[in-house]
Amino acid sequence: MSQIVLTTDTLGTTTAGALEYASPVIYGTPVGDQRGVIPNSQFYRLNADYVGTASTSAQGIFGSALGVTLSSSTVYAFEMYVVFSKTATATAHSFQLGFGGAATINNILYGGTGNNTAAAFASGALSSATSFDSITTTATTAYTAGATAAISARMYFRGTVSINAGGTFIPQYTTSVSVGPYSTLAGSYFLIYPIGSAGLINVGTWA
C-alpha cells in the first residue's frame, strides 16, 4: 500500500491516538485531549549557491521568481534560514526583505535574528547580532551595508501569514542600489505549512 487517504471532515471528539483531517490541516492527538497540528511542510533547500543579479529590482531569494503556491483562505506558518554573500561593488546600500507573487494576504507577521559583516562568508560566530520584524510583504530594510565589496549576512526568520486569494508566494530581496551580485548560499532553506483556515487559530487545550 503506497497511500493512506483521509477524507476531510468536521473534527470530532478528541481521542488519544486519533489522526484526523479537516482541510487544509491534518491533526494528531498524542495524549488525552491534546489535539495538535501535524506540520505537512512544503520545503525548498538550495543544493548549490544561487547567484542573483546586480539590480535594484526585487528578486527571488532561491531563484529569479521561485516561489510556492498557497491556497486561499488559509493560514500558514513558515521559517527560513538564509545566508547571503557578495564580493563585488564597494557601494553603501540597504538590503530589504519581502514577499512577492500573486497571492494576496489578510495579514503577516515574521521576524527573527541575523547579523552581517564586511567580509566574505566564513563559518564561525559573528558579533553585532541584529533583529528584524515585519508586518508587511513590502520590501523592508533588514540591514544597511557600508561601502565595502565583501558583505555576508546570516538570517533566521519565523512567522505566519494569512492568505486571502491563493497564488504564488515568493521570498524576495531588494537592494537600494545595484551592487554585487549577492549569492544565496547552498543549504539555505524555506519551509511553510498550513495551520488552519483564515481566522482565529486555536488548536489544543487552550482555555
Protein backbone atom coordinates (compact mmCIF):
# COMPACT_ATOMS: atom_id res chain seq x y z
CA MET A 1 0.00 0.00 0.00
CA SER A 2 1.55 3.29 -1.09
CA GLN A 3 -1.05 5.71 0.32
CA ILE A 4 -3.33 6.31 3.27
CA VAL A 5 -6.06 8.70 2.13
CA LEU A 6 -8.11 10.65 4.68
CA THR A 7 -11.37 12.37 3.78
CA THR A 8 -11.85 15.87 5.11
CA ASP A 9 -14.48 16.05 7.83
CA THR A 10 -15.53 18.08 10.86
CA LEU A 11 -13.24 17.41 13.80
CA GLY A 12 -14.78 15.01 16.28
CA THR A 13 -14.28 14.42 19.99
CA THR A 14 -10.59 14.35 20.81
CA THR A 15 -9.33 10.82 21.29
CA ALA A 16 -5.78 9.83 22.19
CA GLY A 17 -4.12 8.26 19.18
CA ALA A 18 -6.55 9.79 16.69
CA LEU A 19 -5.48 11.02 13.26
CA GLU A 20 -7.89 13.49 11.64
CA TYR A 21 -8.17 15.61 8.52
CA ALA A 22 -10.18 18.83 8.33
CA SER A 23 -8.96 20.61 5.21
CA PRO A 24 -6.43 22.19 4.99
CA VAL A 25 -4.83 20.60 8.09
CA ILE A 26 -4.03 17.07 9.31
CA TYR A 27 -4.28 16.71 13.10
CA GLY A 28 -3.00 14.16 15.58
CA THR A 29 -3.85 13.64 19.25
CA PRO A 30 -0.85 12.12 21.06
CA VAL A 31 -2.31 12.11 24.58
CA GLY A 32 -5.61 12.91 26.30
CA ASP A 33 -7.45 15.71 24.51
CA GLN A 34 -4.29 17.48 23.34
CA ARG A 35 -5.05 17.60 19.61
CA GLY A 36 -2.28 19.23 17.58
CA VAL A 37 -1.41 20.28 14.05
CA ILE A 38 0.79 17.84 12.13
CA PRO A 39 3.10 20.03 10.05
CA ASN A 40 3.00 19.00 6.39
CA SER A 41 5.71 21.27 5.07
CA GLN A 42 6.40 22.36 1.56
CA PHE A 43 10.18 22.69 1.62
CA TYR A 44 12.84 24.20 -0.60
CA ARG A 45 16.59 23.91 0.01
CA LEU A 46 19.38 25.14 -2.22
CA ASN A 47 21.91 22.46 -3.15
CA ALA A 48 24.27 24.96 -4.82
CA ASP A 49 24.84 28.69 -4.43
CA TYR A 50 22.26 30.75 -6.30
CA VAL A 51 23.78 33.88 -7.85
CA GLY A 52 21.37 36.79 -8.14
CA THR A 53 21.70 39.84 -10.36
CA ALA A 54 23.15 43.30 -9.79
CA SER A 55 19.87 45.20 -9.86
CA THR A 56 17.53 47.35 -7.79
CA SER A 57 14.54 45.20 -8.78
CA ALA A 58 13.08 42.67 -6.35
CA GLN A 59 14.44 39.19 -6.98
CA GLY A 60 13.76 35.76 -5.60
CA ILE A 61 15.97 34.53 -2.78
CA PHE A 62 16.09 30.98 -4.17
CA GLY A 63 15.57 31.68 -7.89
CA SER A 64 14.71 34.59 -10.14
CA ALA A 65 10.99 34.21 -9.41
CA LEU A 66 10.87 30.92 -7.49
CA GLY A 67 8.01 30.66 -5.02
CA VAL A 68 5.44 28.31 -3.55
CA THR A 69 1.75 28.21 -4.48
CA LEU A 70 -0.55 28.71 -1.48
CA SER A 71 -4.30 28.19 -1.06
CA SER A 72 -6.94 30.83 -0.46
CA SER A 73 -8.45 31.47 3.00
CA THR A 74 -5.64 29.57 4.72
CA VAL A 75 -3.16 30.48 7.45
CA TYR A 76 0.40 29.18 7.11
CA ALA A 77 3.39 29.04 9.46
CA PHE A 78 6.82 29.34 7.88
CA GLU A 79 10.51 29.61 8.61
CA MET A 80 13.64 30.28 6.63
CA TYR A 81 17.36 30.26 7.25
CA VAL A 82 19.39 32.01 4.58
CA VAL A 83 22.95 33.20 4.13
CA PHE A 84 23.76 35.91 1.60
CA SER A 85 27.23 36.81 0.38
CA LYS A 86 28.75 39.18 -2.15
CA THR A 87 32.34 40.04 -3.09
CA ALA A 88 31.96 42.92 -5.56
CA THR A 89 30.84 46.57 -5.74
CA ALA A 90 32.06 48.69 -2.84
CA THR A 91 28.95 50.86 -2.60
CA ALA A 92 26.91 51.58 0.53
CA HIS A 93 23.36 50.24 0.27
CA SER A 94 20.39 48.93 2.19
CA PHE A 95 19.22 45.33 1.88
CA GLN A 96 15.47 44.71 2.05
CA LEU A 97 13.39 41.57 2.51
CA GLY A 98 9.83 40.97 1.37
CA PHE A 99 7.47 38.63 -0.46
CA GLY A 100 6.10 38.85 -3.98
CA GLY A 101 3.82 36.68 -6.07
CA ALA A 102 0.16 36.52 -7.00
CA ALA A 103 -1.20 35.55 -3.55
CA THR A 104 -2.89 38.31 -1.57
CA ILE A 105 -2.78 38.39 2.22
CA ASN A 106 -5.02 39.29 5.13
CA ASN A 107 -2.05 39.77 7.45
CA ILE A 108 1.52 38.64 8.06
CA LEU A 109 3.99 38.76 10.93
CA TYR A 110 7.52 37.43 10.70
CA GLY A 111 10.91 38.15 12.13
CA GLY A 112 13.99 36.83 13.81
CA THR A 113 17.69 37.40 14.19
CA GLY A 114 20.65 37.86 11.93
CA ASN A 115 24.00 39.51 11.55
CA ASN A 116 26.08 40.91 8.75
CA THR A 117 29.75 41.66 8.37
CA ALA A 118 32.01 43.44 5.90
CA ALA A 119 33.75 40.23 4.86
CA ALA A 120 33.15 37.19 2.69
CA PHE A 121 31.24 34.41 4.41
CA ALA A 122 33.21 32.23 6.82
CA SER A 123 31.99 29.66 9.31
CA GLY A 124 32.02 30.64 12.98
CA ALA A 125 30.47 33.08 15.39
CA LEU A 126 29.94 36.71 14.49
CA SER A 127 29.32 39.70 16.72
CA SER A 128 26.83 42.55 16.19
CA ALA A 129 23.69 40.41 16.05
CA THR A 130 20.59 42.24 14.85
CA SER A 131 16.85 41.62 14.91
CA PHE A 132 14.26 42.10 12.18
CA ASP A 133 10.46 42.10 12.31
CA SER A 134 7.84 42.93 9.71
CA ILE A 135 4.04 43.07 9.33
CA THR A 136 4.08 43.56 5.56
CA THR A 137 5.09 41.73 2.40
CA THR A 138 6.53 45.01 1.11
CA ALA A 139 10.32 45.19 0.94
CA THR A 140 11.59 46.26 4.39
CA THR A 141 15.20 47.08 5.30
CA ALA A 142 16.92 44.20 7.09
CA TYR A 143 20.34 45.84 7.29
CA THR A 144 22.42 48.70 5.91
CA ALA A 145 25.82 47.84 4.45
CA GLY A 146 28.82 50.13 4.16
CA ALA A 147 30.94 50.83 1.11
CA THR A 148 32.82 47.53 1.05
CA ALA A 149 32.93 44.96 -1.71
CA ALA A 150 32.68 41.91 0.56
CA ILE A 151 29.48 41.52 2.59
CA SER A 152 27.92 38.45 4.17
CA ALA A 153 24.71 38.14 6.16
CA ARG A 154 23.02 35.33 8.07
CA MET A 155 19.27 35.47 8.73
CA TYR A 156 16.85 33.17 10.56
CA PHE A 157 13.16 34.07 10.49
CA ARG A 158 9.86 32.54 11.54
CA GLY A 159 6.33 33.79 11.05
CA THR A 160 2.75 33.26 9.98
CA VAL A 161 0.77 34.54 7.02
CA SER A 162 -2.97 34.56 6.41
CA ILE A 163 -3.72 34.15 2.71
CA ASN A 164 -6.76 35.84 1.20
CA ALA A 165 -6.63 34.91 -2.50
CA GLY A 166 -4.43 31.94 -3.31
CA GLY A 167 -1.44 32.11 -5.60
CA THR A 168 2.34 32.20 -5.59
CA PHE A 169 4.28 33.41 -2.55
CA ILE A 170 7.86 34.36 -3.38
CA PRO A 171 10.58 35.13 -0.79
CA GLN A 172 12.46 38.13 -2.20
CA TYR A 173 15.19 40.64 -1.53
CA THR A 174 15.93 44.08 -2.95
CA THR A 175 18.97 46.35 -2.74
CA SER A 176 18.70 50.14 -2.77
CA VAL A 177 21.43 50.43 -5.41
CA SER A 178 22.80 47.95 -7.94
CA VAL A 179 25.54 46.01 -6.14
CA GLY A 180 27.14 42.60 -6.12
CA PRO A 181 25.53 40.46 -7.18
CA TYR A 182 24.55 38.73 -3.94
CA SER A 183 24.53 34.94 -3.79
CA THR A 184 22.21 32.85 -1.64
CA LEU A 185 24.44 30.10 -0.29
CA ALA A 186 23.83 26.36 -0.61
CA GLY A 187 21.98 24.97 2.39
CA SER A 188 19.69 27.98 2.70
CA TYR A 189 16.07 26.83 3.00
CA PHE A 190 12.43 27.85 3.30
CA LEU A 191 9.57 25.75 4.68
CA ILE A 192 5.87 26.50 5.01
CA TYR A 193 2.84 24.53 6.16
CA PRO A 194 -0.91 25.17 6.76
CA ILE A 195 -2.14 25.55 10.33
CA GLY A 196 -5.83 26.29 9.68
CA SER A 197 -8.45 28.23 7.80
CA ALA A 198 -8.20 32.02 7.79
CA GLY A 199 -9.32 33.47 11.12
CA LEU A 200 -8.52 32.66 14.74
CA ILE A 201 -6.35 29.53 15.01
CA ASN A 202 -6.85 27.67 18.27
CA VAL A 203 -5.77 24.03 18.37
CA GLY A 204 -5.29 22.11 21.60
CA THR A 205 -6.34 22.61 25.24
CA TRP A 206 -6.12 26.40 25.39
CA ALA A 207 -8.52 27.88 27.95
